[in-house]
Amino acid sequence: MAIFSISDIRMAGMSACVPPKALSNHDYKWIKVKEREQVIKTIGVENRHVAEPGQTTSDLCFQAAEQLLGELKWDRNEISILVFVSQSRDYIIPSTSAILQDRLKLPKSCMAIDINLGCSGYVYGLSVIGSMMKAAGLHKGLLLVGDLSNVTSSYRDKSTYPLFGDAGTATALEFDPGAAPMQFNLQTDGSGYEAIIIYDGGVRNLASKKSFATRKYGEGIYRNRLQIALNGIEVFNFSLREVVPNIKTTLKHFGRELPEFDYLLFHQANRLINETIRKMLKVEPERVPYSLRDFGNTSCASIPLTMVTQIREALEQKPRKLLLSAFGIGLSWGSVLMETSGLVVPPLTELEPASQPGV
């Protein structure tokens, strides 16, 4: 079982950046007003920030990292590892993490790796960078997590288009002897890989003329094979079947109790899924923050974005005990129990032209 603990690694700060362009689901003309209102009520998304052509996940993460490093006043030459978690890289090759290492003016002694994960990516990313820092004795690291999910959503697909927003985040971690351990429980079930998928464009199904042909898959659902396909029923059933047991197993394994945690941060899947999970756990609403209404489902960026936009003052004021739970594409899911202290959390920023290369 992938249940483990990472000691002596402290979260120093986090930041988030979104594109300036905002869309309202009240203006989503593809479906009628009554259905539009029902969709908003069910998924809990009213507004989303979406990238313009030419804007990338790395641009958003770059600006978030620049802001955070400025607030922390870190010496960049001391940063030994950069991990970039995203499903929307700049290029097929090379790795986007290498490009970000150069853009951020980090030293050549800094290792940089990409991780291709979506919804569960923040928790998995924390486990990877934390483990590598602990094992190798690295003193400072950057975890850059984000996605442009809207780029691959079809406007004529009511099951995906109103749901997804775009965001990039940066999390700074440092070696700190005696820091409270991060306690993880990570799981995978690849048999459900088709629940959330883009069929063409990879090596299995190379992009071709047929990839661009739009087909009808249901009432109000039209897309091509280069656009994201979401099986809502499968994702709903998976989330309700696996998330709560994962959380309970994690708590039991480490001898922890749910009431001791100040906040439960869930991946912002949709309001119906998240509220059902919250009620299954019998947790009060005030302990479960949401960013869905204003930003939508921002894939792997959703947990840090929620922390920055909903509880930043609480995180800065005093130590907090947090339970983070992320779940979705893969299928993959996981939880981490952690404590923060002295966290630096700058306000949310919107992408500036200066953060885009060549602008």
Protein backbone atom coordinates (compact mmCIF):
# COMPACT_ATOMS: atom_id res chain seq x y z
CA MET A 1 0.00 0.00 0.00
CA ALA A 2 1.28 3.48 -0.87
CA ILE A 3 0.76 4.84 2.65
CA PHE A 4 3.82 6.70 3.89
CA SER A 5 5.09 9.71 5.80
CA ILE A 6 7.61 12.41 4.84
CA SER A 7 9.28 14.22 7.72
CA ASP A 8 11.41 17.39 7.93
CA ILE A 9 9.91 19.04 4.83
CA ARG A 10 7.97 22.24 5.43
CA MET A 11 5.61 24.12 3.13
CA ALA A 12 6.94 27.69 3.13
CA GLY A 13 4.36 29.37 0.90
CA MET A 14 2.01 29.17 -2.07
CA SER A 15 0.59 31.45 -4.74
CA ALA A 16 -1.82 31.25 -7.67
CA CYS A 17 -2.42 32.97 -11.00
CA VAL A 18 -5.38 32.89 -13.40
CA PRO A 19 -5.95 34.33 -16.89
CA PRO A 20 -7.67 37.75 -16.94
CA LYS A 21 -10.48 36.57 -19.25
CA ALA A 22 -13.55 35.48 -17.29
CA LEU A 23 -16.64 33.71 -18.65
CA SER A 24 -20.04 33.41 -16.98
CA ASN A 25 -22.04 30.22 -17.34
CA HIS A 26 -25.16 32.42 -17.27
CA ASP A 27 -24.06 33.47 -20.79
CA TYR A 28 -23.54 29.91 -22.09
CA LYS A 29 -25.82 30.09 -25.14
CA TRP A 30 -25.42 26.48 -26.25
CA ILE A 31 -28.14 25.38 -23.82
CA LYS A 32 -31.43 27.02 -22.88
CA VAL A 33 -31.77 29.28 -19.85
CA LYS A 34 -33.62 26.72 -17.70
CA GLU A 35 -31.04 24.01 -18.38
CA ARG A 36 -28.26 26.55 -17.87
CA GLU A 37 -29.59 27.34 -14.39
CA GLN A 38 -29.83 23.65 -13.56
CA VAL A 39 -26.26 23.02 -14.71
CA ILE A 40 -24.99 25.91 -12.57
CA LYS A 41 -26.88 24.63 -9.55
CA THR A 42 -25.63 21.06 -9.99
CA ILE A 43 -21.95 21.69 -10.72
CA GLY A 44 -21.70 24.88 -8.65
CA VAL A 45 -19.80 26.85 -11.30
CA GLU A 46 -20.97 30.36 -12.23
CA ASN A 47 -17.74 31.89 -13.55
CA ARG A 48 -14.46 30.61 -14.94
CA HIS A 49 -11.15 32.17 -15.97
CA VAL A 50 -9.94 30.88 -19.34
CA ALA A 51 -6.71 31.36 -21.23
CA GLU A 52 -6.49 33.26 -24.50
CA PRO A 53 -4.62 31.73 -27.46
CA GLY A 54 -0.89 31.92 -26.78
CA GLN A 55 -1.26 31.82 -23.00
CA THR A 56 0.00 28.65 -21.38
CA THR A 57 -0.01 26.82 -18.06
CA SER A 58 3.69 27.55 -17.74
CA ASP A 59 2.98 31.30 -18.08
CA LEU A 60 0.53 31.11 -15.18
CA CYS A 61 2.91 29.03 -13.05
CA PHE A 62 5.81 31.33 -13.92
CA GLN A 63 3.98 34.42 -12.67
CA ALA A 64 2.80 32.60 -9.53
CA ALA A 65 6.38 31.47 -8.83
CA GLU A 66 7.84 34.93 -9.44
CA GLN A 67 5.34 36.44 -7.02
CA LEU A 68 5.99 33.81 -4.37
CA LEU A 69 9.79 33.94 -4.63
CA GLY A 70 9.62 37.72 -4.30
CA GLU A 71 7.55 37.45 -1.12
CA LEU A 72 9.78 34.74 0.37
CA LYS A 73 12.99 36.58 -0.64
CA TRP A 74 14.60 33.24 -1.43
CA ASP A 75 18.06 33.01 -3.00
CA ARG A 76 17.26 31.24 -6.29
CA ASN A 77 20.68 29.60 -6.31
CA GLU A 78 19.53 27.53 -3.32
CA ILE A 79 16.60 25.95 -5.19
CA SER A 80 17.62 22.38 -6.05
CA ILE A 81 14.43 20.91 -7.52
CA LEU A 82 11.50 22.05 -9.67
CA VAL A 83 8.52 19.76 -10.28
CA PHE A 84 5.90 20.76 -12.88
CA VAL A 85 2.57 18.92 -12.70
CA SER A 86 0.19 19.43 -15.64
CA GLN A 87 -1.65 17.80 -18.53
CA SER A 88 -1.13 20.90 -20.68
CA ARG A 89 2.58 21.20 -21.30
CA ASP A 90 4.07 23.78 -23.66
CA TYR A 91 5.32 21.15 -26.13
CA ILE A 92 5.23 17.39 -26.60
CA ILE A 93 8.99 17.64 -26.16
CA PRO A 94 11.00 19.06 -24.40
CA SER A 95 9.79 19.04 -20.81
CA THR A 96 8.13 22.25 -19.61
CA SER A 97 9.94 22.03 -16.27
CA ALA A 98 13.25 22.61 -18.06
CA ILE A 99 11.84 25.70 -19.77
CA LEU A 100 10.58 27.02 -16.42
CA GLN A 101 13.96 26.38 -14.77
CA ASP A 102 15.52 28.71 -17.32
CA ARG A 103 12.73 31.32 -17.24
CA LEU A 104 12.89 31.51 -13.44
CA LYS A 105 16.69 31.86 -13.58
CA LEU A 106 17.25 28.87 -11.35
CA PRO A 107 20.77 27.38 -11.26
CA LYS A 108 21.92 24.61 -13.58
CA SER A 109 22.33 22.48 -10.45
CA CYS A 110 18.51 22.45 -10.13
CA MET A 111 16.85 19.21 -11.28
CA ALA A 112 13.58 19.69 -13.18
CA ILE A 113 10.92 17.09 -13.99
CA ASP A 114 7.41 16.99 -15.49
CA ILE A 115 4.57 14.89 -14.07
CA ASN A 116 1.57 14.23 -16.33
CA LEU A 117 -1.35 14.19 -13.89
CA GLY A 118 -4.65 16.03 -13.59
CA CYS A 119 -7.15 16.04 -10.75
CA SER A 120 -4.99 14.17 -8.22
CA GLY A 121 -1.84 16.01 -9.29
CA TYR A 122 -1.34 18.35 -6.35
CA VAL A 123 -1.31 15.62 -3.71
CA TYR A 124 0.84 13.36 -5.89
CA GLY A 125 3.15 16.29 -6.66
CA LEU A 126 3.63 17.05 -2.97
CA SER A 127 4.55 13.41 -2.38
CA VAL A 128 7.12 13.36 -5.19
CA ILE A 129 8.90 16.62 -4.39
CA GLY A 130 8.75 15.98 -0.66
CA SER A 131 10.17 12.47 -1.01
CA MET A 132 13.00 13.59 -3.29
CA MET A 133 13.93 16.51 -1.06
CA LYS A 134 13.99 14.27 2.01
CA ALA A 135 15.91 11.43 0.34
CA ALA A 136 18.50 13.64 -1.36
CA GLY A 137 18.85 16.26 1.37
CA LEU A 138 17.67 19.09 -0.90
CA HIS A 139 17.01 22.31 1.00
CA LYS A 140 14.61 24.24 -1.25
CA GLY A 141 12.15 23.22 -3.95
CA LEU A 142 9.35 24.55 -6.15
CA LEU A 143 6.18 22.63 -7.01
CA LEU A 144 4.42 24.24 -9.99
CA VAL A 145 0.94 22.85 -10.64
CA GLY A 146 -1.70 23.93 -13.14
CA ASP A 147 -3.75 23.21 -16.25
CA LEU A 148 -5.53 24.76 -19.22
CA SER A 149 -8.48 22.37 -19.33
CA ASN A 150 -10.68 24.81 -21.21
CA VAL A 151 -8.43 24.59 -24.28
CA THR A 152 -9.52 21.00 -24.93
CA SER A 153 -13.22 21.45 -24.08
CA SER A 154 -15.78 21.64 -26.86
CA TYR A 155 -18.16 24.63 -26.65
CA ARG A 156 -20.93 22.33 -27.87
CA ASP A 157 -20.35 19.78 -25.10
CA LYS A 158 -22.52 20.74 -22.14
CA SER A 159 -20.93 17.99 -20.01
CA THR A 160 -17.50 19.65 -20.02
CA TYR A 161 -17.54 23.23 -21.30
CA PRO A 162 -19.31 24.88 -18.31
CA LEU A 163 -17.14 22.98 -15.82
CA PHE A 164 -13.48 23.72 -16.46
CA GLY A 165 -11.36 26.78 -15.71
CA ASP A 166 -7.65 27.51 -16.09
CA ALA A 167 -5.08 28.28 -13.38
CA GLY A 168 -1.44 27.92 -12.39
CA THR A 169 0.03 27.70 -8.90
CA ALA A 170 3.38 27.65 -7.12
CA THR A 171 4.22 25.98 -3.82
CA ALA A 172 7.56 26.47 -2.07
CA LEU A 173 8.96 23.73 0.17
CA GLU A 174 12.08 23.68 2.31
CA PHE A 175 14.02 21.33 4.52
CA ASP A 176 13.18 22.00 8.17
CA PRO A 177 14.32 19.49 10.83
CA GLY A 178 11.42 18.76 13.15
CA ALA A 179 8.72 19.96 10.75
CA ALA A 180 5.44 18.07 11.16
CA PRO A 181 5.32 15.08 8.78
CA MET A 182 3.21 14.98 5.64
CA GLN A 183 1.23 11.72 5.76
CA PHE A 184 0.09 10.28 2.42
CA ASN A 185 -2.21 7.59 1.05
CA LEU A 186 -2.09 7.35 -2.77
CA GLN A 187 -4.10 5.01 -5.00
CA THR A 188 -4.65 4.19 -8.68
CA ASP A 189 -7.14 2.23 -10.78
CA GLY A 190 -6.12 2.35 -14.44
CA SER A 191 -9.05 0.14 -15.47
CA GLY A 192 -11.12 3.34 -15.45
CA TYR A 193 -8.78 5.34 -17.68
CA GLU A 194 -11.51 6.06 -20.24
CA ALA A 195 -13.70 7.93 -17.73
CA ILE A 196 -11.82 11.15 -18.55
CA ILE A 197 -9.84 11.01 -21.77
CA ILE A 198 -8.72 12.70 -24.97
CA TYR A 199 -8.57 9.86 -27.46
CA ASP A 200 -6.33 11.25 -30.21
CA GLY A 201 -3.12 13.24 -30.33
CA GLY A 202 -0.88 10.84 -28.42
CA VAL A 203 1.24 8.00 -29.74
CA ARG A 204 -1.55 5.42 -29.37
CA ASN A 205 -3.82 7.35 -31.75
CA LEU A 206 -1.86 9.91 -33.74
CA ALA A 207 -3.74 13.04 -34.79
CA SER A 208 -5.23 12.72 -38.26
CA LYS A 209 -7.86 14.37 -40.40
CA LYS A 210 -10.50 12.17 -38.72
CA SER A 211 -9.44 13.50 -35.30
CA PHE A 212 -11.00 16.88 -36.15
CA ALA A 213 -14.39 15.50 -37.21
CA THR A 214 -17.12 16.53 -34.77
CA ARG A 215 -19.62 13.84 -33.73
CA LYS A 216 -22.73 13.80 -31.59
CA TYR A 217 -22.37 11.67 -28.43
CA GLY A 218 -25.61 12.65 -26.73
CA GLU A 219 -28.13 15.45 -26.40
CA GLY A 220 -26.12 18.70 -26.34
CA ILE A 221 -22.82 16.80 -26.49
CA TYR A 222 -20.75 17.32 -29.65
CA ARG A 223 -16.97 17.01 -29.77
CA ASN A 224 -14.04 15.67 -31.78
CA ARG A 225 -11.37 13.18 -30.73
CA LEU A 226 -8.91 15.92 -29.76
CA GLN A 227 -11.32 17.26 -27.14
CA ILE A 228 -11.90 15.96 -23.64
CA ALA A 229 -14.51 13.24 -23.13
CA LEU A 230 -15.99 12.99 -19.63
CA ASN A 231 -18.17 10.13 -18.41
CA GLY A 232 -19.95 11.95 -15.60
CA ILE A 233 -21.70 8.90 -14.16
CA GLU A 234 -18.48 6.89 -13.94
CA VAL A 235 -16.61 9.77 -12.32
CA PHE A 236 -19.45 10.34 -9.83
CA ASN A 237 -19.61 6.66 -8.86
CA PHE A 238 -15.83 6.38 -8.59
CA SER A 239 -15.59 9.46 -6.37
CA LEU A 240 -18.27 8.26 -3.98
CA ARG A 241 -16.86 4.74 -3.92
CA GLU A 242 -13.19 5.55 -3.29
CA VAL A 243 -12.62 8.96 -1.70
CA VAL A 244 -14.21 8.47 1.73
CA PRO A 245 -12.56 5.04 2.33
CA ASN A 246 -9.21 6.52 1.32
CA ILE A 247 -9.59 9.35 3.83
CA LYS A 248 -10.74 7.04 6.61
CA THR A 249 -7.91 4.58 5.96
CA THR A 250 -5.37 7.42 6.05
CA LEU A 251 -6.70 8.71 9.37
CA LYS A 252 -6.78 5.24 10.92
CA HIS A 253 -3.29 4.32 9.73
CA PHE A 254 -1.73 7.42 11.26
CA GLY A 255 -3.91 7.45 14.39
CA ARG A 256 -5.58 10.74 13.54
CA GLU A 257 -9.17 11.97 13.94
CA LEU A 258 -11.16 14.06 11.46
CA PRO A 259 -12.25 16.71 14.03
CA GLU A 260 -8.64 17.75 14.66
CA PHE A 261 -8.27 19.24 11.18
CA ASP A 262 -9.08 22.90 10.66
CA TYR A 263 -9.89 22.49 6.97
CA LEU A 264 -10.59 19.73 4.47
CA LEU A 265 -9.44 20.77 0.99
CA PHE A 266 -11.04 18.70 -1.76
CA HIS A 267 -10.24 18.74 -5.46
CA GLN A 268 -12.97 20.97 -6.90
CA ALA A 269 -14.62 18.29 -9.05
CA ASN A 270 -18.15 19.64 -8.99
CA ARG A 271 -20.50 20.70 -6.23
CA LEU A 272 -22.70 17.59 -6.33
CA ILE A 273 -19.72 15.24 -5.91
CA ASN A 274 -17.97 17.34 -3.27
CA GLU A 275 -21.07 18.00 -1.18
CA THR A 276 -21.96 14.32 -1.23
CA ILE A 277 -18.47 13.43 0.02
CA ARG A 278 -18.64 16.14 2.70
CA LYS A 279 -21.97 14.82 3.98
CA MET A 280 -20.70 11.23 3.95
CA LEU A 281 -17.85 12.36 6.21
CA LYS A 282 -20.25 14.42 8.38
CA VAL A 283 -18.05 17.52 8.17
CA GLU A 284 -19.41 21.04 8.75
CA PRO A 285 -19.59 23.25 5.61
CA GLU A 286 -17.39 25.96 7.13
CA ARG A 287 -14.45 23.53 7.26
CA VAL A 288 -14.71 22.67 3.54
CA PRO A 289 -13.82 25.72 1.39
CA TYR A 290 -14.92 26.02 -2.25
CA SER A 291 -13.47 27.93 -5.20
CA LEU A 292 -15.82 26.29 -7.74
CA ARG A 293 -18.26 29.16 -8.08
CA ASP A 294 -15.74 31.69 -9.35
CA PHE A 295 -13.08 29.50 -10.98
CA GLY A 296 -14.65 26.15 -11.93
CA ASN A 297 -12.81 22.85 -11.89
CA THR A 298 -9.18 23.85 -12.41
CA SER A 299 -7.83 20.28 -12.51
CA CYS A 300 -4.63 19.79 -10.48
CA ALA A 301 -4.55 23.50 -9.52
CA SER A 302 -7.88 23.38 -7.68
CA ILE A 303 -6.61 22.65 -4.14
CA PRO A 304 -3.86 25.30 -3.97
CA LEU A 305 -6.14 27.78 -5.79
CA THR A 306 -8.83 27.17 -3.15
CA MET A 307 -6.28 27.70 -0.38
CA VAL A 308 -5.08 30.99 -1.89
CA THR A 309 -8.52 32.41 -2.69
CA GLN A 310 -10.58 31.13 0.23
CA ILE A 311 -8.40 30.72 3.35
CA ARG A 312 -5.18 32.66 2.73
CA GLU A 313 -5.61 34.89 5.80
CA ALA A 314 -6.35 31.91 8.02
CA LEU A 315 -3.24 30.14 6.71
CA GLU A 316 -1.04 33.17 7.33
CA GLN A 317 -2.39 33.95 10.81
CA LYS A 318 -1.45 30.81 12.70
CA PRO A 319 -0.58 27.10 12.35
CA ARG A 320 -3.28 24.99 10.68
CA LYS A 321 -3.94 21.29 10.36
CA LEU A 322 -5.12 20.39 6.86
CA LEU A 323 -6.49 17.32 5.12
CA LEU A 324 -6.09 17.45 1.35
CA SER A 325 -7.96 14.97 -0.85
CA ALA A 326 -7.65 14.87 -4.65
CA PHE A 327 -9.29 12.47 -7.07
CA GLY A 328 -10.13 11.96 -10.73
CA ILE A 329 -8.45 11.30 -14.07
CA GLY A 330 -6.39 8.15 -14.27
CA LEU A 331 -8.25 7.01 -12.31
CA SER A 332 -6.10 8.18 -9.41
CA TRP A 333 -6.74 9.56 -5.97
CA GLY A 334 -5.04 10.28 -2.69
CA SER A 335 -5.00 12.16 0.59
CA VAL A 336 -2.36 13.93 2.64
CA LEU A 337 -2.50 15.01 6.28
CA MET A 338 -0.29 18.02 6.93
CA GLU A 339 0.32 21.01 9.15
CA THR A 340 1.30 24.53 8.10
CA SER A 341 3.02 27.24 10.11
CA GLY A 342 4.13 30.70 9.04
CA LEU A 343 2.84 30.11 5.53
CA VAL A 344 3.40 32.95 3.05
CA VAL A 345 0.33 33.29 0.79
CA PRO A 346 0.26 36.31 -1.56
CA PRO A 347 -3.12 37.35 -3.01
CA LEU A 348 -4.31 35.81 -6.27
CA THR A 349 -2.94 37.49 -9.39
CA GLU A 350 -4.11 37.65 -12.99
CA LEU A 351 -1.67 36.92 -15.80
CA GLU A 352 0.26 39.95 -17.03
CA PRO A 353 1.66 40.27 -20.57
CA ALA A 354 5.19 40.43 -19.15
CA SER A 355 4.78 36.84 -17.92
CA GLN A 356 4.44 35.58 -21.52
CA PRO A 357 7.65 35.03 -23.50
CA GLY A 358 8.01 37.27 -26.51
CA VAL A 359 5.28 39.71 -25.42
